[in-house]
Amino acid sequence: MAQNNCKCNNSIKCSVNNCAYHNNTSDCCSLESIRVGCCGCEPTNCAGTECASFKLDNAR
């Protein structure tokens, strides 16, 4: 389980269970803020964006 799993930022909802910052109990992010990035040059829908703060949780 991630070290940051005890924190929960209710302003950042998250369902990515294998992220090191994911709080399993509340389905939120444990970071104070996140960075959103683009997967392509000019995204036209949400599939063209990503959470650039994602970090794979190798402990899960």
PDB file of N, CA and C in Angstrom:
ATOM      1  N   MET A   1       0.843  -1.178   0.000  1.00  0.00           N
ATOM      2  CA  MET A   1       0.000   0.000   0.000  1.00  0.00           C
ATOM      3  C   MET A   1       0.886   1.238   0.000  1.00  0.00           C
ATOM      4  N   ALA A   2       0.488   2.259  -0.694  1.00  0.00           N
ATOM      5  CA  ALA A   2       1.296   3.460  -0.845  1.00  0.00           C
ATOM      6  C   ALA A   2       1.456   4.187   0.483  1.00  0.00           C
ATOM      7  N   GLN A   3       2.605   4.809   0.650  1.00  0.00           N
ATOM      8  CA  GLN A   3       2.887   5.570   1.857  1.00  0.00           C
ATOM      9  C   GLN A   3       1.935   6.748   1.988  1.00  0.00           C
ATOM     10  N   ASN A   4       1.550   7.374   0.870  1.00  0.00           N
ATOM     11  CA  ASN A   4       0.671   8.535   0.890  1.00  0.00           C
ATOM     12  C   ASN A   4      -0.801   8.161   0.979  1.00  0.00           C
ATOM     13  N   ASN A   5      -1.121   6.899   1.095  1.00  0.00           N
ATOM     14  CA  ASN A   5      -2.500   6.437   1.040  1.00  0.00           C
ATOM     15  C   ASN A   5      -3.353   6.977   2.187  1.00  0.00           C
ATOM     16  N   CYS A   6      -2.746   7.440   3.280  1.00  0.00           N
ATOM     17  CA  CYS A   6      -3.526   7.937   4.411  1.00  0.00           C
ATOM     18  C   CYS A   6      -4.083   9.334   4.145  1.00  0.00           C
ATOM     19  N   LYS A   7      -3.474  10.091   3.223  1.00  0.00           N
ATOM     20  CA  LYS A   7      -3.955  11.426   2.894  1.00  0.00           C
ATOM     21  C   LYS A   7      -5.043  11.343   1.842  1.00  0.00           C
ATOM     22  N   CYS A   8      -5.898  12.351   1.817  1.00  0.00           N
ATOM     23  CA  CYS A   8      -6.950  12.388   0.805  1.00  0.00           C
ATOM     24  C   CYS A   8      -7.294  13.826   0.480  1.00  0.00           C
ATOM     25  N   ASN A   9      -7.124  14.204  -0.788  1.00  0.00           N
ATOM     26  CA  ASN A   9      -7.540  15.514  -1.258  1.00  0.00           C
ATOM     27  C   ASN A   9      -8.880  15.320  -1.953  1.00  0.00           C
ATOM     28  N   ASN A  10      -9.953  15.662  -1.276  1.00  0.00           N
ATOM     29  CA  ASN A  10     -11.294  15.438  -1.812  1.00  0.00           C
ATOM     30  C   ASN A  10     -11.589  16.268  -3.060  1.00  0.00           C
ATOM     31  N   SER A  11     -10.742  17.244  -3.360  1.00  0.00           N
ATOM     32  CA  SER A  11     -10.921  18.046  -4.565  1.00  0.00           C
ATOM     33  C   SER A  11     -10.403  17.337  -5.812  1.00  0.00           C
ATOM     34  N   ILE A  12      -9.603  16.276  -5.620  1.00  0.00           N
ATOM     35  CA  ILE A  12      -9.059  15.526  -6.752  1.00  0.00           C
ATOM     36  C   ILE A  12      -9.577  14.099  -6.682  1.00  0.00           C
ATOM     37  N   LYS A  13     -10.622  13.818  -7.419  1.00  0.00           N
ATOM     38  CA  LYS A  13     -11.189  12.471  -7.472  1.00  0.00           C
ATOM     39  C   LYS A  13     -10.301  11.610  -8.365  1.00  0.00           C
ATOM     40  N   CYS A  14     -10.086  10.366  -8.003  1.00  0.00           N
ATOM     41  CA  CYS A  14      -9.201   9.492  -8.758  1.00  0.00           C
ATOM     42  C   CYS A  14      -9.672   8.047  -8.654  1.00  0.00           C
ATOM     43  N   SER A  15      -9.621   7.339  -9.773  1.00  0.00           N
ATOM     44  CA  SER A  15      -9.991   5.921  -9.782  1.00  0.00           C
ATOM     45  C   SER A  15      -8.852   5.046 -10.312  1.00  0.00           C
ATOM     46  N   VAL A  16      -7.635   5.574 -10.341  1.00  0.00           N
ATOM     47  CA  VAL A  16      -6.475   4.846 -10.852  1.00  0.00           C
ATOM     48  C   VAL A  16      -5.812   4.113  -9.685  1.00  0.00           C
ATOM     49  N   ASN A  17      -6.221   2.870  -9.475  1.00  0.00           N
ATOM     50  CA  ASN A  17      -5.771   2.106  -8.314  1.00  0.00           C
ATOM     51  C   ASN A  17      -4.276   1.827  -8.274  1.00  0.00           C
ATOM     52  N   ASN A  18      -3.610   1.792  -9.433  1.00  0.00           N
ATOM     53  CA  ASN A  18      -2.189   1.447  -9.414  1.00  0.00           C
ATOM     54  C   ASN A  18      -1.277   2.675  -9.352  1.00  0.00           C
ATOM     55  N   CYS A  19      -1.846   3.856  -9.062  1.00  0.00           N
ATOM     56  CA  CYS A  19      -1.037   5.057  -8.859  1.00  0.00           C
ATOM     57  C   CYS A  19      -0.581   5.111  -7.402  1.00  0.00           C
ATOM     58  N   ALA A  20       0.659   5.502  -7.197  1.00  0.00           N
ATOM     59  CA  ALA A  20       1.217   5.580  -5.848  1.00  0.00           C
ATOM     60  C   ALA A  20       0.504   6.623  -4.983  1.00  0.00           C
ATOM     61  N   TYR A  21      -0.174   7.578  -5.608  1.00  0.00           N
ATOM     62  CA  TYR A  21      -0.837   8.653  -4.876  1.00  0.00           C
ATOM     63  C   TYR A  21      -2.332   8.410  -4.671  1.00  0.00           C
ATOM     64  N   HIS A  22      -2.841   7.293  -5.143  1.00  0.00           N
ATOM     65  CA  HIS A  22      -4.267   6.983  -5.039  1.00  0.00           C
ATOM     66  C   HIS A  22      -4.633   6.569  -3.616  1.00  0.00           C
ATOM     67  N   ASN A  23      -5.712   7.135  -3.092  1.00  0.00           N
ATOM     68  CA  ASN A  23      -6.242   6.737  -1.792  1.00  0.00           C
ATOM     69  C   ASN A  23      -7.377   5.750  -2.041  1.00  0.00           C
ATOM     70  N   ASN A  24      -7.129   4.475  -1.772  1.00  0.00           N
ATOM     71  CA  ASN A  24      -8.104   3.418  -2.041  1.00  0.00           C
ATOM     72  C   ASN A  24      -9.393   3.585  -1.265  1.00  0.00           C
ATOM     73  N   THR A  25      -9.309   4.069  -0.062  1.00  0.00           N
ATOM     74  CA  THR A  25     -10.473   4.181   0.801  1.00  0.00           C
ATOM     75  C   THR A  25     -11.480   5.197   0.272  1.00  0.00           C
ATOM     76  N   SER A  26     -10.998   6.321  -0.230  1.00  0.00           N
ATOM     77  CA  SER A  26     -11.882   7.417  -0.629  1.00  0.00           C
ATOM     78  C   SER A  26     -11.887   7.706  -2.119  1.00  0.00           C
ATOM     79  N   ASP A  27     -11.158   6.937  -2.923  1.00  0.00           N
ATOM     80  CA  ASP A  27     -11.036   7.183  -4.367  1.00  0.00           C
ATOM     81  C   ASP A  27     -10.694   8.632  -4.665  1.00  0.00           C
ATOM     82  N   CYS A  28      -9.631   9.108  -4.021  1.00  0.00           N
ATOM     83  CA  CYS A  28      -9.148  10.456  -4.261  1.00  0.00           C
ATOM     84  C   CYS A  28      -7.628  10.420  -4.332  1.00  0.00           C
ATOM     85  N   CYS A  29      -7.035  11.554  -4.647  1.00  0.00           N
ATOM     86  CA  CYS A  29      -5.584  11.663  -4.762  1.00  0.00           C
ATOM     87  C   CYS A  29      -5.017  12.172  -3.441  1.00  0.00           C
ATOM     88  N   SER A  30      -3.859  11.695  -3.067  1.00  0.00           N
ATOM     89  CA  SER A  30      -3.245  12.142  -1.818  1.00  0.00           C
ATOM     90  C   SER A  30      -2.357  13.372  -2.019  1.00  0.00           C
ATOM     91  N   LEU A  31      -2.147  13.796  -3.266  1.00  0.00           N
ATOM     92  CA  LEU A  31      -1.341  14.986  -3.523  1.00  0.00           C
ATOM     93  C   LEU A  31      -2.141  16.264  -3.255  1.00  0.00           C
ATOM     94  N   GLU A  32      -1.449  17.360  -2.956  1.00  0.00           N
ATOM     95  CA  GLU A  32      -2.116  18.648  -2.771  1.00  0.00           C
ATOM     96  C   GLU A  32      -2.598  19.204  -4.097  1.00  0.00           C
ATOM     97  N   SER A  33      -1.872  18.912  -5.167  1.00  0.00           N
ATOM     98  CA  SER A  33      -2.254  19.350  -6.501  1.00  0.00           C
ATOM     99  C   SER A  33      -1.671  18.367  -7.507  1.00  0.00           C
ATOM    100  N   ILE A  34      -2.209  18.373  -8.721  1.00  0.00           N
ATOM    101  CA  ILE A  34      -1.697  17.518  -9.785  1.00  0.00           C
ATOM    102  C   ILE A  34      -1.419  18.370 -11.019  1.00  0.00           C
ATOM    103  N   ARG A  35      -0.640  17.810 -11.920  1.00  0.00           N
ATOM    104  CA  ARG A  35      -0.376  18.457 -13.198  1.00  0.00           C
ATOM    105  C   ARG A  35      -1.074  17.645 -14.279  1.00  0.00           C
ATOM    106  N   VAL A  36      -1.852  18.309 -15.116  1.00  0.00           N
ATOM    107  CA  VAL A  36      -2.532  17.656 -16.228  1.00  0.00           C
ATOM    108  C   VAL A  36      -1.738  17.946 -17.488  1.00  0.00           C
ATOM    109  N   GLY A  37      -1.465  16.893 -18.260  1.00  0.00           N
ATOM    110  CA  GLY A  37      -0.703  17.052 -19.489  1.00  0.00           C
ATOM    111  C   GLY A  37      -1.472  16.521 -20.681  1.00  0.00           C
ATOM    112  N   CYS A  38      -0.887  16.703 -21.865  1.00  0.00           N
ATOM    113  CA  CYS A  38      -1.500  16.257 -23.116  1.00  0.00           C
ATOM    114  C   CYS A  38      -0.771  15.024 -23.647  1.00  0.00           C
ATOM    115  N   CYS A  39      -1.524  14.140 -24.258  1.00  0.00           N
ATOM    116  CA  CYS A  39      -0.940  12.963 -24.902  1.00  0.00           C
ATOM    117  C   CYS A  39      -0.554  13.274 -26.345  1.00  0.00           C
ATOM    118  N   GLY A  40      -1.165  14.287 -26.930  1.00  0.00           N
ATOM    119  CA  GLY A  40      -0.898  14.684 -28.301  1.00  0.00           C
ATOM    120  C   GLY A  40      -0.702  16.187 -28.390  1.00  0.00           C
ATOM    121  N   CYS A  41      -0.587  16.677 -29.583  1.00  0.00           N
ATOM    122  CA  CYS A  41      -0.359  18.113 -29.797  1.00  0.00           C
ATOM    123  C   CYS A  41      -1.571  18.957 -29.444  1.00  0.00           C
ATOM    124  N   GLU A  42      -2.753  18.571 -29.921  1.00  0.00           N
ATOM    125  CA  GLU A  42      -3.965  19.337 -29.687  1.00  0.00           C
ATOM    126  C   GLU A  42      -5.099  18.400 -29.302  1.00  0.00           C
ATOM    127  N   PRO A  43      -5.255  18.112 -28.007  1.00  0.00           N
ATOM    128  CA  PRO A  43      -6.317  17.185 -27.607  1.00  0.00           C
ATOM    129  C   PRO A  43      -7.701  17.755 -27.903  1.00  0.00           C
ATOM    130  N   THR A  44      -8.595  16.873 -28.342  1.00  0.00           N
ATOM    131  CA  THR A  44      -9.965  17.281 -28.636  1.00  0.00           C
ATOM    132  C   THR A  44     -10.974  16.601 -27.726  1.00  0.00           C
ATOM    133  N   ASN A  45     -10.512  15.698 -26.859  1.00  0.00           N
ATOM    134  CA  ASN A  45     -11.385  15.042 -25.880  1.00  0.00           C
ATOM    135  C   ASN A  45     -10.532  14.600 -24.702  1.00  0.00           C
ATOM    136  N   CYS A  46     -11.163  14.069 -23.667  1.00  0.00           N
ATOM    137  CA  CYS A  46     -10.424  13.719 -22.447  1.00  0.00           C
ATOM    138  C   CYS A  46      -9.421  12.593 -22.670  1.00  0.00           C
ATOM    139  N   ALA A  47      -9.593  11.782 -23.716  1.00  0.00           N
ATOM    140  CA  ALA A  47      -8.625  10.722 -24.010  1.00  0.00           C
ATOM    141  C   ALA A  47      -7.277  11.307 -24.435  1.00  0.00           C
ATOM    142  N   GLY A  48      -7.260  12.572 -24.814  1.00  0.00           N
ATOM    143  CA  GLY A  48      -6.028  13.226 -25.222  1.00  0.00           C
ATOM    144  C   GLY A  48      -5.288  13.905 -24.086  1.00  0.00           C
ATOM    145  N   THR A  49      -5.783  13.727 -22.850  1.00  0.00           N
ATOM    146  CA  THR A  49      -5.131  14.314 -21.684  1.00  0.00           C
ATOM    147  C   THR A  49      -4.730  13.220 -20.715  1.00  0.00           C
ATOM    148  N   GLU A  50      -3.858  13.567 -19.775  1.00  0.00           N
ATOM    149  CA  GLU A  50      -3.393  12.593 -18.793  1.00  0.00           C
ATOM    150  C   GLU A  50      -3.002  13.299 -17.504  1.00  0.00           C
ATOM    151  N   CYS A  51      -2.974  12.551 -16.429  1.00  0.00           N
ATOM    152  CA  CYS A  51      -2.464  13.076 -15.173  1.00  0.00           C
ATOM    153  C   CYS A  51      -0.945  12.925 -15.231  1.00  0.00           C
ATOM    154  N   ALA A  52      -0.246  14.038 -15.400  1.00  0.00           N
ATOM    155  CA  ALA A  52       1.202  14.009 -15.512  1.00  0.00           C
ATOM    156  C   ALA A  52       1.871  13.796 -14.153  1.00  0.00           C
ATOM    157  N   SER A  53       1.087  13.770 -13.083  1.00  0.00           N
ATOM    158  CA  SER A  53       1.619  13.512 -11.744  1.00  0.00           C
ATOM    159  C   SER A  53       1.610  12.030 -11.406  1.00  0.00           C
ATOM    160  N   PHE A  54       1.079  11.196 -12.304  1.00  0.00           N
ATOM    161  CA  PHE A  54       0.976   9.752 -12.070  1.00  0.00           C
ATOM    162  C   PHE A  54       2.337   9.150 -11.753  1.00  0.00           C
ATOM    163  N   LYS A  55       2.354   8.261 -10.763  1.00  0.00           N
ATOM    164  CA  LYS A  55       3.559   7.495 -10.411  1.00  0.00           C
ATOM    165  C   LYS A  55       3.105   6.068 -10.129  1.00  0.00           C
ATOM    166  N   LEU A  56       3.668   5.120 -10.855  1.00  0.00           N
ATOM    167  CA  LEU A  56       3.297   3.725 -10.679  1.00  0.00           C
ATOM    168  C   LEU A  56       3.637   3.246  -9.284  1.00  0.00           C
ATOM    169  N   ASP A  57       2.681   2.622  -8.627  1.00  0.00           N
ATOM    170  CA  ASP A  57       2.892   2.073  -7.289  1.00  0.00           C
ATOM    171  C   ASP A  57       3.320   0.631  -7.439  1.00  0.00           C
ATOM    172  N   ASN A  58       4.597   0.372  -7.312  1.00  0.00           N
ATOM    173  CA  ASN A  58       5.142  -0.978  -7.478  1.00  0.00           C
ATOM    174  C   ASN A  58       4.804  -1.896  -6.321  1.00  0.00           C
ATOM    175  N   ALA A  59       4.283  -1.338  -5.228  1.00  0.00           N
ATOM    176  CA  ALA A  59       3.947  -2.154  -4.060  1.00  0.00           C
ATOM    177  C   ALA A  59       2.598  -2.839  -4.193  1.00  0.00           C
ATOM    178  N   ARG A  60       1.816  -2.448  -5.186  1.00  0.00           N
ATOM    179  CA  ARG A  60       0.471  -3.037  -5.341  1.00  0.00           C
ATOM    180  C   ARG A  60       0.524  -4.229  -6.221  1.00  0.00           C
TER     181      ARG A  60
END
